[in-house]
Amino acid sequence: METIPFLEYSLYQMFHMFIFWSFIGWCIEVCDMTLETGEYQNRGFLNMPICPIYGFGVLMVVIFFRPIEHTFFPLFFASMVLCTTFELLIGLGMEKMFGARWWDYSNKKFNYKGYICPEISILWGLGCVLVVRIVHPTVEKVVDLIPLKMGLFLILLWSVLIVIDLISSICAVNKLNNRLRQIDEISKVMLLSAVKIGENLAEKTLETKERYDKIVESADAKTQEWKEKHYYEWKEKYYKYFPHRKDKLKIDEIEQEYGKIVEAEDFKISDWRERFENLVETKDSSIERLLKAFPQLRSISYSEAMDALKMRWAEISRRHKNKDPENSGASETDEEDIL
């Protein structure tokens, strides 16, 4: 295979190196997340065991910084700047494209927009020095040892799989965004319905209170006048002659009318709530994988809907774990401890 001027690698070599370092990057991400969460998670945007950002990052470093590959500090700082810039551009690009933030360094010092921070940049620099000076020369030799026909077949196979995986992952993101949009719209409808009911409640409450106050005021005046005239007969004839008995029936009518309004509105809310529950409780394997792969994934437009979805799915997962026969013994032990 002929090498490309300046790049000094052929497309054949670059593709195999890209796949190798994408896979190594995926392994690093899986190990890091396992240490953080205590369980395996398929990291990366794609379903396949590759993280392309690592593959592209290493390729850029070994191509652009070949003149300084035998140095330490120049290679370290150049790699740190290049990889950090690349990470920022990828983060902003994916946010613009999919309307979501895929990783977040906001909890780290001196971060910029949550996408880059000095701590990660230093790791990029050190990692690239290790890769360029120690590991990558061996990778080049291994790639050159691959039989040409086998190498071409692997390139074709990987290309097809990556295209299929990329389409599948984009569809999963679109499904997630559509679900978040529906959750957000239903939440707003439920909120508006609640506000409408609340306004009706407040209006009816004030009207009822005003009418009740007038009734009580009138009744108290008449009762006091009646008591002054018929003090000794008051207890015996109270219910027969009490002036606001007729007005009490009017209050009952108001309450019945008000109850019908609330009952009708509650029916509407229950219908929307059922649709809401279906959206947040029905799991989708492709969406669930994305949420597990990117625990800090946040939607720019539907952040509250994303939080609701994550919380509900986490709750469902906990319930399933508690029902798992392997955990039954531990659950029983916990119950005994509680008792």
C-alpha atoms as a PDB file:
ATOM      1  CA  MET A   1       0.000   0.000   0.000  1.00  0.00           C
ATOM      2  CA  GLU A   2       1.357   3.415  -0.969  1.00  0.00           C
ATOM      3  CA  THR A   3       1.707   5.939   1.797  1.00  0.00           C
ATOM      4  CA  ILE A   4       0.077   9.367   1.583  1.00  0.00           C
ATOM      5  CA  PRO A   5       2.555  12.272   1.396  1.00  0.00           C
ATOM      6  CA  PHE A   6       3.086  14.094   4.702  1.00  0.00           C
ATOM      7  CA  LEU A   7       0.926  11.555   6.524  1.00  0.00           C
ATOM      8  CA  GLU A   8       3.478   8.784   5.809  1.00  0.00           C
ATOM      9  CA  TYR A   9       0.773   6.163   6.318  1.00  0.00           C
ATOM     10  CA  SER A  10      -1.517   4.481   3.842  1.00  0.00           C
ATOM     11  CA  LEU A  11      -5.297   4.513   4.303  1.00  0.00           C
ATOM     12  CA  TYR A  12      -4.999   0.794   4.924  1.00  0.00           C
ATOM     13  CA  GLN A  13      -2.619   1.351   7.861  1.00  0.00           C
ATOM     14  CA  MET A  14      -4.549   4.277   9.273  1.00  0.00           C
ATOM     15  CA  PHE A  15      -7.815   2.379   9.271  1.00  0.00           C
ATOM     16  CA  HIS A  16      -6.364  -0.574  11.208  1.00  0.00           C
ATOM     17  CA  MET A  17      -4.617   1.752  13.659  1.00  0.00           C
ATOM     18  CA  PHE A  18      -7.851   3.682  14.098  1.00  0.00           C
ATOM     19  CA  ILE A  19      -9.763   0.481  14.935  1.00  0.00           C
ATOM     20  CA  PHE A  20      -7.060  -0.696  17.337  1.00  0.00           C
ATOM     21  CA  TRP A  21      -6.849   2.533  19.320  1.00  0.00           C
ATOM     22  CA  SER A  22     -10.642   2.944  19.305  1.00  0.00           C
ATOM     23  CA  PHE A  23     -10.865  -0.493  20.906  1.00  0.00           C
ATOM     24  CA  ILE A  24      -8.151   0.337  23.461  1.00  0.00           C
ATOM     25  CA  GLY A  25     -10.003   3.552  24.279  1.00  0.00           C
ATOM     26  CA  TRP A  26     -13.205   1.582  24.805  1.00  0.00           C
ATOM     27  CA  CYS A  27     -11.347  -0.780  27.177  1.00  0.00           C
ATOM     28  CA  ILE A  28      -9.999   2.200  29.146  1.00  0.00           C
ATOM     29  CA  GLU A  29     -13.478   3.706  29.421  1.00  0.00           C
ATOM     30  CA  VAL A  30     -15.011   0.398  30.542  1.00  0.00           C
ATOM     31  CA  CYS A  31     -12.335  -0.122  33.211  1.00  0.00           C
ATOM     32  CA  ASP A  32     -12.706   3.447  34.464  1.00  0.00           C
ATOM     33  CA  MET A  33     -16.494   3.223  34.659  1.00  0.00           C
ATOM     34  CA  THR A  34     -16.328  -0.202  36.331  1.00  0.00           C
ATOM     35  CA  LEU A  35     -14.106   1.244  39.070  1.00  0.00           C
ATOM     36  CA  GLU A  36     -16.535   4.165  39.431  1.00  0.00           C
ATOM     37  CA  THR A  37     -19.828   2.259  39.423  1.00  0.00           C
ATOM     38  CA  GLY A  38     -18.846  -1.278  40.397  1.00  0.00           C
ATOM     39  CA  GLU A  39     -20.436  -2.846  37.306  1.00  0.00           C
ATOM     40  CA  TYR A  40     -19.819  -3.318  33.589  1.00  0.00           C
ATOM     41  CA  GLN A  41     -21.185  -0.700  31.230  1.00  0.00           C
ATOM     42  CA  ASN A  42     -20.805  -0.648  27.441  1.00  0.00           C
ATOM     43  CA  ARG A  43     -19.182   2.744  27.021  1.00  0.00           C
ATOM     44  CA  GLY A  44     -19.167   4.874  23.910  1.00  0.00           C
ATOM     45  CA  PHE A  45     -21.689   6.250  21.461  1.00  0.00           C
ATOM     46  CA  LEU A  46     -21.629   3.084  19.361  1.00  0.00           C
ATOM     47  CA  ASN A  47     -22.808  -0.353  20.424  1.00  0.00           C
ATOM     48  CA  MET A  48     -19.590  -1.953  19.194  1.00  0.00           C
ATOM     49  CA  PRO A  49     -16.571  -2.104  21.537  1.00  0.00           C
ATOM     50  CA  ILE A  50     -14.895   0.979  20.086  1.00  0.00           C
ATOM     51  CA  CYS A  51     -14.649   4.660  21.066  1.00  0.00           C
ATOM     52  CA  PRO A  52     -13.775   6.515  17.835  1.00  0.00           C
ATOM     53  CA  ILE A  53     -12.663   9.647  19.675  1.00  0.00           C
ATOM     54  CA  TYR A  54      -9.614   7.728  20.922  1.00  0.00           C
ATOM     55  CA  GLY A  55      -8.844   6.325  17.482  1.00  0.00           C
ATOM     56  CA  PHE A  56      -8.973   9.734  15.814  1.00  0.00           C
ATOM     57  CA  GLY A  57      -7.048  11.341  18.686  1.00  0.00           C
ATOM     58  CA  VAL A  58      -4.112   8.928  18.516  1.00  0.00           C
ATOM     59  CA  LEU A  59      -3.992   9.107  14.704  1.00  0.00           C
ATOM     60  CA  MET A  60      -3.777  12.904  14.790  1.00  0.00           C
ATOM     61  CA  VAL A  61      -1.019  12.822  17.400  1.00  0.00           C
ATOM     62  CA  VAL A  62       1.187  10.222  15.627  1.00  0.00           C
ATOM     63  CA  ILE A  63       0.750  11.995  12.267  1.00  0.00           C
ATOM     64  CA  PHE A  64       1.062  15.644  13.255  1.00  0.00           C
ATOM     65  CA  PHE A  65       3.702  15.316  15.948  1.00  0.00           C
ATOM     66  CA  ARG A  66       6.115  12.892  14.290  1.00  0.00           C
ATOM     67  CA  PRO A  67       8.918  15.526  14.250  1.00  0.00           C
ATOM     68  CA  ILE A  68       8.813  15.788  18.061  1.00  0.00           C
ATOM     69  CA  GLU A  69       7.982  12.160  18.895  1.00  0.00           C
ATOM     70  CA  HIS A  70      11.370  11.615  20.597  1.00  0.00           C
ATOM     71  CA  THR A  71      10.927  14.548  22.964  1.00  0.00           C
ATOM     72  CA  PHE A  72       8.914  14.565  26.162  1.00  0.00           C
ATOM     73  CA  PHE A  73       7.695  18.031  27.119  1.00  0.00           C
ATOM     74  CA  PRO A  74       7.032  19.350  23.581  1.00  0.00           C
ATOM     75  CA  LEU A  75       5.155  16.131  22.745  1.00  0.00           C
ATOM     76  CA  PHE A  76       3.300  16.250  26.058  1.00  0.00           C
ATOM     77  CA  PHE A  77       2.095  19.847  25.690  1.00  0.00           C
ATOM     78  CA  ALA A  78       1.307  19.551  21.969  1.00  0.00           C
ATOM     79  CA  SER A  79      -0.697  16.366  22.533  1.00  0.00           C
ATOM     80  CA  MET A  80      -2.494  17.868  25.500  1.00  0.00           C
ATOM     81  CA  VAL A  81      -3.566  20.931  23.512  1.00  0.00           C
ATOM     82  CA  LEU A  82      -4.597  18.947  20.427  1.00  0.00           C
ATOM     83  CA  CYS A  83      -6.593  16.269  22.270  1.00  0.00           C
ATOM     84  CA  THR A  84      -8.255  18.791  24.578  1.00  0.00           C
ATOM     85  CA  THR A  85      -9.315  20.927  21.615  1.00  0.00           C
ATOM     86  CA  PHE A  86     -10.579  17.839  19.794  1.00  0.00           C
ATOM     87  CA  GLU A  87     -12.559  16.716  22.865  1.00  0.00           C
ATOM     88  CA  LEU A  88     -14.141  20.173  23.177  1.00  0.00           C
ATOM     89  CA  LEU A  89     -15.107  20.300  19.503  1.00  0.00           C
ATOM     90  CA  ILE A  90     -16.592  16.793  19.622  1.00  0.00           C
ATOM     91  CA  GLY A  91     -18.586  17.637  22.759  1.00  0.00           C
ATOM     92  CA  LEU A  92     -19.957  20.883  21.337  1.00  0.00           C
ATOM     93  CA  GLY A  93     -20.669  19.235  17.975  1.00  0.00           C
ATOM     94  CA  MET A  94     -22.628  16.360  19.542  1.00  0.00           C
ATOM     95  CA  GLU A  95     -24.511  18.819  21.727  1.00  0.00           C
ATOM     96  CA  LYS A  96     -25.474  20.845  18.664  1.00  0.00           C
ATOM     97  CA  MET A  97     -26.361  17.763  16.634  1.00  0.00           C
ATOM     98  CA  PHE A  98     -28.303  15.766  19.226  1.00  0.00           C
ATOM     99  CA  GLY A  99     -29.349  18.445  21.728  1.00  0.00           C
ATOM    100  CA  ALA A 100     -27.642  16.685  24.635  1.00  0.00           C
ATOM    101  CA  ARG A 101     -24.533  16.908  26.797  1.00  0.00           C
ATOM    102  CA  TRP A 102     -22.776  13.547  26.718  1.00  0.00           C
ATOM    103  CA  TRP A 103     -20.165  14.018  29.440  1.00  0.00           C
ATOM    104  CA  ASP A 104     -19.720  16.612  32.114  1.00  0.00           C
ATOM    105  CA  TYR A 105     -16.624  17.767  34.019  1.00  0.00           C
ATOM    106  CA  SER A 106     -18.493  20.536  35.818  1.00  0.00           C
ATOM    107  CA  ASN A 107     -17.535  19.038  39.184  1.00  0.00           C
ATOM    108  CA  LYS A 108     -13.816  19.377  38.368  1.00  0.00           C
ATOM    109  CA  LYS A 109     -11.791  22.544  38.938  1.00  0.00           C
ATOM    110  CA  PHE A 110     -11.138  25.029  36.152  1.00  0.00           C
ATOM    111  CA  ASN A 111     -13.369  23.206  33.680  1.00  0.00           C
ATOM    112  CA  TYR A 112     -14.635  24.906  30.546  1.00  0.00           C
ATOM    113  CA  LYS A 113     -18.325  24.399  29.823  1.00  0.00           C
ATOM    114  CA  GLY A 114     -18.071  20.997  31.502  1.00  0.00           C
ATOM    115  CA  TYR A 115     -16.423  19.488  28.410  1.00  0.00           C
ATOM    116  CA  ILE A 116     -12.732  19.928  29.213  1.00  0.00           C
ATOM    117  CA  CYS A 117     -10.675  20.408  32.348  1.00  0.00           C
ATOM    118  CA  PRO A 118      -6.941  20.490  33.265  1.00  0.00           C
ATOM    119  CA  GLU A 119      -7.063  17.102  35.002  1.00  0.00           C
ATOM    120  CA  ILE A 120      -8.284  15.258  31.904  1.00  0.00           C
ATOM    121  CA  SER A 121      -6.017  17.320  29.636  1.00  0.00           C
ATOM    122  CA  ILE A 122      -2.945  16.229  31.617  1.00  0.00           C
ATOM    123  CA  LEU A 123      -4.054  12.605  31.284  1.00  0.00           C
ATOM    124  CA  TRP A 124      -4.399  13.124  27.534  1.00  0.00           C
ATOM    125  CA  GLY A 125      -0.851  14.470  27.351  1.00  0.00           C
ATOM    126  CA  LEU A 126       0.712  11.692  29.427  1.00  0.00           C
ATOM    127  CA  GLY A 127      -1.247   9.013  27.595  1.00  0.00           C
ATOM    128  CA  CYS A 128      -0.161  10.284  24.194  1.00  0.00           C
ATOM    129  CA  VAL A 129       3.517  10.355  25.226  1.00  0.00           C
ATOM    130  CA  LEU A 130       3.205   6.743  26.379  1.00  0.00           C
ATOM    131  CA  VAL A 131       1.413   5.736  23.183  1.00  0.00           C
ATOM    132  CA  VAL A 132       3.701   7.506  20.700  1.00  0.00           C
ATOM    133  CA  ARG A 133       7.028   6.599  22.280  1.00  0.00           C
ATOM    134  CA  ILE A 134       6.364   3.070  23.554  1.00  0.00           C
ATOM    135  CA  VAL A 135       3.208   1.367  22.267  1.00  0.00           C
ATOM    136  CA  HIS A 136       2.516   2.706  18.775  1.00  0.00           C
ATOM    137  CA  PRO A 137       5.741   1.483  17.105  1.00  0.00           C
ATOM    138  CA  THR A 138       4.691  -2.054  18.033  1.00  0.00           C
ATOM    139  CA  VAL A 139       1.176  -1.434  16.689  1.00  0.00           C
ATOM    140  CA  GLU A 140       2.648  -0.342  13.334  1.00  0.00           C
ATOM    141  CA  LYS A 141       4.662  -3.553  13.090  1.00  0.00           C
ATOM    142  CA  VAL A 142       1.610  -5.704  13.925  1.00  0.00           C
ATOM    143  CA  VAL A 143      -0.503  -3.932  11.281  1.00  0.00           C
ATOM    144  CA  ASP A 144       2.200  -4.553   8.670  1.00  0.00           C
ATOM    145  CA  LEU A 145       2.168  -8.280   9.566  1.00  0.00           C
ATOM    146  CA  ILE A 146      -1.538  -8.648   8.694  1.00  0.00           C
ATOM    147  CA  PRO A 147      -1.949 -10.436   5.343  1.00  0.00           C
ATOM    148  CA  LEU A 148      -3.203  -8.008   2.738  1.00  0.00           C
ATOM    149  CA  LYS A 149      -6.323  -9.962   1.761  1.00  0.00           C
ATOM    150  CA  MET A 150      -7.271 -10.504   5.383  1.00  0.00           C
ATOM    151  CA  GLY A 151      -6.622  -6.833   6.121  1.00  0.00           C
ATOM    152  CA  LEU A 152      -8.850  -5.713   3.251  1.00  0.00           C
ATOM    153  CA  PHE A 153     -11.594  -8.103   4.332  1.00  0.00           C
ATOM    154  CA  LEU A 154     -11.393  -6.756   7.908  1.00  0.00           C
ATOM    155  CA  ILE A 155     -11.597  -3.191   6.608  1.00  0.00           C
ATOM    156  CA  LEU A 156     -14.737  -4.036   4.619  1.00  0.00           C
ATOM    157  CA  LEU A 157     -16.276  -5.892   7.552  1.00  0.00           C
ATOM    158  CA  TRP A 158     -15.491  -3.158  10.064  1.00  0.00           C
ATOM    159  CA  SER A 159     -16.753  -0.458   7.700  1.00  0.00           C
ATOM    160  CA  VAL A 160     -20.117  -2.178   7.229  1.00  0.00           C
ATOM    161  CA  LEU A 161     -20.491  -2.838  10.952  1.00  0.00           C
ATOM    162  CA  ILE A 162     -19.590   0.749  11.871  1.00  0.00           C
ATOM    163  CA  VAL A 163     -22.079   2.211   9.381  1.00  0.00           C
ATOM    164  CA  ILE A 164     -24.861  -0.066  10.666  1.00  0.00           C
ATOM    165  CA  ASP A 165     -23.940   0.688  14.269  1.00  0.00           C
ATOM    166  CA  LEU A 166     -23.780   4.431  13.619  1.00  0.00           C
ATOM    167  CA  ILE A 167     -27.248   4.420  12.040  1.00  0.00           C
ATOM    168  CA  SER A 168     -28.599   2.326  14.918  1.00  0.00           C
ATOM    169  CA  SER A 169     -27.075   4.666  17.527  1.00  0.00           C
ATOM    170  CA  ILE A 170     -28.432   7.778  15.804  1.00  0.00           C
ATOM    171  CA  CYS A 171     -31.882   6.164  15.695  1.00  0.00           C
ATOM    172  CA  ALA A 172     -31.601   5.414  19.405  1.00  0.00           C
ATOM    173  CA  VAL A 173     -30.768   9.068  20.132  1.00  0.00           C
ATOM    174  CA  ASN A 174     -33.729  10.188  18.024  1.00  0.00           C
ATOM    175  CA  LYS A 175     -36.005   7.775  19.904  1.00  0.00           C
ATOM    176  CA  LEU A 176     -34.708   9.141  23.189  1.00  0.00           C
ATOM    177  CA  ASN A 177     -35.301  12.742  22.098  1.00  0.00           C
ATOM    178  CA  ASN A 178     -38.820  11.909  20.856  1.00  0.00           C
ATOM    179  CA  ARG A 179     -39.652  10.220  24.138  1.00  0.00           C
ATOM    180  CA  LEU A 180     -38.268  13.145  26.135  1.00  0.00           C
ATOM    181  CA  ARG A 181     -40.282  15.559  23.992  1.00  0.00           C
ATOM    182  CA  GLN A 182     -43.488  13.602  24.633  1.00  0.00           C
ATOM    183  CA  ILE A 183     -42.762  13.392  28.368  1.00  0.00           C
ATOM    184  CA  ASP A 184     -42.118  17.125  28.443  1.00  0.00           C
ATOM    185  CA  GLU A 185     -45.310  17.937  26.502  1.00  0.00           C
ATOM    186  CA  ILE A 186     -47.448  15.700  28.716  1.00  0.00           C
ATOM    187  CA  SER A 187     -45.858  17.204  31.832  1.00  0.00           C
ATOM    188  CA  LYS A 188     -46.797  20.658  30.595  1.00  0.00           C
ATOM    189  CA  VAL A 189     -50.376  19.547  29.826  1.00  0.00           C
ATOM    190  CA  MET A 190     -50.661  18.032  33.298  1.00  0.00           C
ATOM    191  CA  LEU A 191     -49.263  21.216  34.813  1.00  0.00           C
ATOM    192  CA  LEU A 192     -51.737  23.367  32.873  1.00  0.00           C
ATOM    193  CA  SER A 193     -54.576  21.065  33.910  1.00  0.00           C
ATOM    194  CA  ALA A 194     -53.458  21.308  37.516  1.00  0.00           C
ATOM    195  CA  VAL A 195     -53.296  25.096  37.225  1.00  0.00           C
ATOM    196  CA  LYS A 196     -56.770  25.155  35.706  1.00  0.00           C
ATOM    197  CA  ILE A 197     -58.132  23.008  38.510  1.00  0.00           C
ATOM    198  CA  GLY A 198     -56.301  25.120  41.033  1.00  0.00           C
ATOM    199  CA  GLU A 199     -57.761  28.302  39.585  1.00  0.00           C
ATOM    200  CA  ASN A 200     -61.255  26.776  39.650  1.00  0.00           C
ATOM    201  CA  LEU A 201     -60.648  25.614  43.194  1.00  0.00           C
ATOM    202  CA  ALA A 202     -59.483  29.037  44.268  1.00  0.00           C
ATOM    203  CA  GLU A 203     -62.357  30.791  42.503  1.00  0.00           C
ATOM    204  CA  LYS A 204     -65.005  28.448  43.879  1.00  0.00           C
ATOM    205  CA  THR A 205     -63.427  28.527  47.320  1.00  0.00           C
ATOM    206  CA  LEU A 206     -63.484  32.321  47.417  1.00  0.00           C
ATOM    207  CA  GLU A 207     -67.045  32.434  46.096  1.00  0.00           C
ATOM    208  CA  THR A 208     -68.162  29.829  48.603  1.00  0.00           C
ATOM    209  CA  LYS A 209     -66.384  31.581  51.444  1.00  0.00           C
ATOM    210  CA  GLU A 210     -67.889  34.931  50.497  1.00  0.00           C
ATOM    211  CA  ARG A 211     -71.399  33.502  50.290  1.00  0.00           C
ATOM    212  CA  TYR A 212     -70.882  31.485  53.429  1.00  0.00           C
ATOM    213  CA  ASP A 213     -69.646  34.543  55.322  1.00  0.00           C
ATOM    214  CA  LYS A 214     -72.731  36.479  54.242  1.00  0.00           C
ATOM    215  CA  ILE A 215     -74.987  33.596  55.260  1.00  0.00           C
ATOM    216  CA  VAL A 216     -73.290  33.242  58.636  1.00  0.00           C
ATOM    217  CA  GLU A 217     -73.316  36.978  59.201  1.00  0.00           C
ATOM    218  CA  SER A 218     -77.015  37.167  58.350  1.00  0.00           C
ATOM    219  CA  ALA A 219     -77.781  34.067  60.367  1.00  0.00           C
ATOM    220  CA  ASP A 220     -75.883  35.308  63.378  1.00  0.00           C
ATOM    221  CA  ALA A 221     -77.742  38.607  63.325  1.00  0.00           C
ATOM    222  CA  LYS A 222     -81.130  36.921  63.020  1.00  0.00           C
ATOM    223  CA  THR A 223     -80.203  34.296  65.571  1.00  0.00           C
ATOM    224  CA  GLN A 224     -79.082  36.913  68.053  1.00  0.00           C
ATOM    225  CA  GLU A 225     -82.273  38.875  67.521  1.00  0.00           C
ATOM    226  CA  TRP A 226     -84.351  35.724  67.862  1.00  0.00           C
ATOM    227  CA  LYS A 227     -82.475  34.632  70.987  1.00  0.00           C
ATOM    228  CA  GLU A 228     -83.070  37.964  72.640  1.00  0.00           C
ATOM    229  CA  LYS A 229     -86.798  37.610  72.033  1.00  0.00           C
ATOM    230  CA  HIS A 230     -87.134  33.891  72.731  1.00  0.00           C
ATOM    231  CA  TYR A 231     -84.205  33.015  74.962  1.00  0.00           C
ATOM    232  CA  TYR A 232     -85.878  30.242  76.947  1.00  0.00           C
ATOM    233  CA  GLU A 233     -87.401  28.566  73.885  1.00  0.00           C
ATOM    234  CA  TRP A 234     -84.185  28.738  71.818  1.00  0.00           C
ATOM    235  CA  LYS A 235     -82.797  25.228  72.431  1.00  0.00           C
ATOM    236  CA  GLU A 236     -86.081  23.447  71.688  1.00  0.00           C
ATOM    237  CA  LYS A 237     -86.960  25.333  68.499  1.00  0.00           C
ATOM    238  CA  TYR A 238     -83.453  25.946  67.083  1.00  0.00           C
ATOM    239  CA  TYR A 239     -83.538  23.487  64.167  1.00  0.00           C
ATOM    240  CA  LYS A 240     -87.134  24.315  63.350  1.00  0.00           C
ATOM    241  CA  TYR A 241     -86.736  28.052  63.191  1.00  0.00           C
ATOM    242  CA  PHE A 242     -82.973  28.524  62.519  1.00  0.00           C
ATOM    243  CA  PRO A 243     -82.878  31.192  59.751  1.00  0.00           C
ATOM    244  CA  HIS A 244     -80.035  29.890  57.560  1.00  0.00           C
ATOM    245  CA  ARG A 245     -81.409  26.363  56.983  1.00  0.00           C
ATOM    246  CA  LYS A 246     -82.548  27.373  53.541  1.00  0.00           C
ATOM    247  CA  ASP A 247     -79.184  28.988  52.778  1.00  0.00           C
ATOM    248  CA  LYS A 248     -77.410  25.806  53.899  1.00  0.00           C
ATOM    249  CA  LEU A 249     -79.114  23.991  51.030  1.00  0.00           C
ATOM    250  CA  LYS A 250     -77.641  26.563  48.643  1.00  0.00           C
ATOM    251  CA  ILE A 251     -74.153  25.793  49.978  1.00  0.00           C
ATOM    252  CA  ASP A 252     -74.743  22.094  49.345  1.00  0.00           C
ATOM    253  CA  GLU A 253     -75.706  22.861  45.759  1.00  0.00           C
ATOM    254  CA  ILE A 254     -72.496  24.848  45.280  1.00  0.00           C
ATOM    255  CA  GLU A 255     -70.402  22.005  46.658  1.00  0.00           C
ATOM    256  CA  GLN A 256     -72.117  19.490  44.378  1.00  0.00           C
ATOM    257  CA  GLU A 257     -71.515  21.660  41.327  1.00  0.00           C
ATOM    258  CA  TYR A 258     -67.898  22.215  42.340  1.00  0.00           C
ATOM    259  CA  GLY A 259     -67.419  18.478  42.868  1.00  0.00           C
ATOM    260  CA  LYS A 260     -68.554  17.750  39.311  1.00  0.00           C
ATOM    261  CA  ILE A 261     -65.969  20.179  37.913  1.00  0.00           C
ATOM    262  CA  VAL A 262     -63.138  18.607  39.901  1.00  0.00           C
ATOM    263  CA  GLU A 263     -64.266  15.097  38.975  1.00  0.00           C
ATOM    264  CA  ALA A 264     -64.253  15.957  35.259  1.00  0.00           C
ATOM    265  CA  GLU A 265     -60.806  17.556  35.434  1.00  0.00           C
ATOM    266  CA  ASP A 266     -59.415  14.651  37.441  1.00  0.00           C
ATOM    267  CA  PHE A 267     -60.495  12.297  34.663  1.00  0.00           C
ATOM    268  CA  LYS A 268     -58.507  14.314  32.134  1.00  0.00           C
ATOM    269  CA  ILE A 269     -55.437  14.393  34.350  1.00  0.00           C
ATOM    270  CA  SER A 270     -55.620  10.662  35.013  1.00  0.00           C
ATOM    271  CA  ASP A 271     -55.643  10.041  31.268  1.00  0.00           C
ATOM    272  CA  TRP A 272     -52.561  12.196  30.740  1.00  0.00           C
ATOM    273  CA  ARG A 273     -50.886  10.686  33.791  1.00  0.00           C
ATOM    274  CA  GLU A 274     -51.400   7.182  32.391  1.00  0.00           C
ATOM    275  CA  ARG A 275     -49.700   8.200  29.158  1.00  0.00           C
ATOM    276  CA  PHE A 276     -46.891   9.805  31.167  1.00  0.00           C
ATOM    277  CA  GLU A 277     -46.369   6.638  33.221  1.00  0.00           C
ATOM    278  CA  ASN A 278     -46.240   4.513  30.067  1.00  0.00           C
ATOM    279  CA  LEU A 279     -43.544   6.743  28.594  1.00  0.00           C
ATOM    280  CA  VAL A 280     -41.299   6.789  31.665  1.00  0.00           C
ATOM    281  CA  GLU A 281     -41.757   3.145  32.638  1.00  0.00           C
ATOM    282  CA  THR A 282     -41.586   1.356  29.252  1.00  0.00           C
ATOM    283  CA  LYS A 283     -37.931   0.547  28.723  1.00  0.00           C
ATOM    284  CA  ASP A 284     -36.131   0.514  25.375  1.00  0.00           C
ATOM    285  CA  SER A 285     -32.869  -1.458  25.223  1.00  0.00           C
ATOM    286  CA  SER A 286     -31.140   0.955  22.821  1.00  0.00           C
ATOM    287  CA  ILE A 287     -32.073   4.007  24.907  1.00  0.00           C
ATOM    288  CA  GLU A 288     -31.160   2.238  28.133  1.00  0.00           C
ATOM    289  CA  ARG A 289     -27.710   1.398  26.746  1.00  0.00           C
ATOM    290  CA  LEU A 290     -27.072   5.052  25.923  1.00  0.00           C
ATOM    291  CA  LEU A 291     -28.104   6.157  29.405  1.00  0.00           C
ATOM    292  CA  LYS A 292     -25.833   3.546  30.980  1.00  0.00           C
ATOM    293  CA  ALA A 293     -22.952   4.351  28.642  1.00  0.00           C
ATOM    294  CA  PHE A 294     -23.224   8.052  29.472  1.00  0.00           C
ATOM    295  CA  PRO A 295     -24.422   8.382  33.095  1.00  0.00           C
ATOM    296  CA  GLN A 296     -23.958  12.152  32.906  1.00  0.00           C
ATOM    297  CA  LEU A 297     -25.982  12.481  29.701  1.00  0.00           C
ATOM    298  CA  ARG A 298     -28.214  15.547  29.979  1.00  0.00           C
ATOM    299  CA  SER A 299     -30.769  16.861  27.521  1.00  0.00           C
ATOM    300  CA  ILE A 300     -30.423  20.547  26.731  1.00  0.00           C
ATOM    301  CA  SER A 301     -34.114  21.118  25.928  1.00  0.00           C
ATOM    302  CA  TYR A 302     -35.765  18.468  28.121  1.00  0.00           C
ATOM    303  CA  SER A 303     -33.625  18.263  31.243  1.00  0.00           C
ATOM    304  CA  GLU A 304     -36.557  17.668  33.618  1.00  0.00           C
ATOM    305  CA  ALA A 305     -37.954  14.913  31.388  1.00  0.00           C
ATOM    306  CA  MET A 306     -34.499  13.295  31.251  1.00  0.00           C
ATOM    307  CA  ASP A 307     -34.239  13.389  35.056  1.00  0.00           C
ATOM    308  CA  ALA A 308     -37.697  11.834  35.401  1.00  0.00           C
ATOM    309  CA  LEU A 309     -36.824   9.068  32.931  1.00  0.00           C
ATOM    310  CA  LYS A 310     -33.495   8.272  34.616  1.00  0.00           C
ATOM    311  CA  MET A 311     -35.016   8.219  38.101  1.00  0.00           C
ATOM    312  CA  ARG A 312     -37.894   5.953  37.082  1.00  0.00           C
ATOM    313  CA  TRP A 313     -35.684   3.494  35.198  1.00  0.00           C
ATOM    314  CA  ALA A 314     -33.223   3.398  38.102  1.00  0.00           C
ATOM    315  CA  GLU A 315     -36.144   2.643  40.431  1.00  0.00           C
ATOM    316  CA  ILE A 316     -37.353  -0.155  38.125  1.00  0.00           C
ATOM    317  CA  SER A 317     -33.845  -1.627  37.994  1.00  0.00           C
ATOM    318  CA  ARG A 318     -33.629  -1.610  41.799  1.00  0.00           C
ATOM    319  CA  ARG A 319     -36.979  -3.402  42.027  1.00  0.00           C
ATOM    320  CA  HIS A 320     -35.817  -6.051  39.572  1.00  0.00           C
ATOM    321  CA  LYS A 321     -32.606  -6.583  41.512  1.00  0.00           C
ATOM    322  CA  ASN A 322     -34.590  -7.016  44.730  1.00  0.00           C
ATOM    323  CA  LYS A 323     -36.750  -9.661  43.006  1.00  0.00           C
ATOM    324  CA  ASP A 324     -33.677 -11.509  41.707  1.00  0.00           C
ATOM    325  CA  PRO A 325     -33.444 -14.970  43.381  1.00  0.00           C
ATOM    326  CA  GLU A 326     -29.703 -14.480  43.868  1.00  0.00           C
ATOM    327  CA  ASN A 327     -30.465 -11.424  45.984  1.00  0.00           C
ATOM    328  CA  SER A 328     -33.356 -13.027  47.868  1.00  0.00           C
ATOM    329  CA  GLY A 329     -31.099 -14.298  50.617  1.00  0.00           C
ATOM    330  CA  ALA A 330     -29.592 -10.869  51.109  1.00  0.00           C
ATOM    331  CA  SER A 331     -33.065  -9.316  51.108  1.00  0.00           C
ATOM    332  CA  GLU A 332     -34.274 -11.733  53.758  1.00  0.00           C
ATOM    333  CA  THR A 333     -31.197 -10.972  55.847  1.00  0.00           C
ATOM    334  CA  ASP A 334     -31.861  -7.282  55.518  1.00  0.00           C
ATOM    335  CA  GLU A 335     -35.478  -7.798  56.574  1.00  0.00           C
ATOM    336  CA  GLU A 336     -34.336  -9.786  59.623  1.00  0.00           C
ATOM    337  CA  ASP A 337     -31.933  -7.015  60.532  1.00  0.00           C
ATOM    338  CA  ILE A 338     -34.721  -4.479  60.226  1.00  0.00           C
ATOM    339  CA  LEU A 339     -37.048  -6.603  62.388  1.00  0.00           C
END
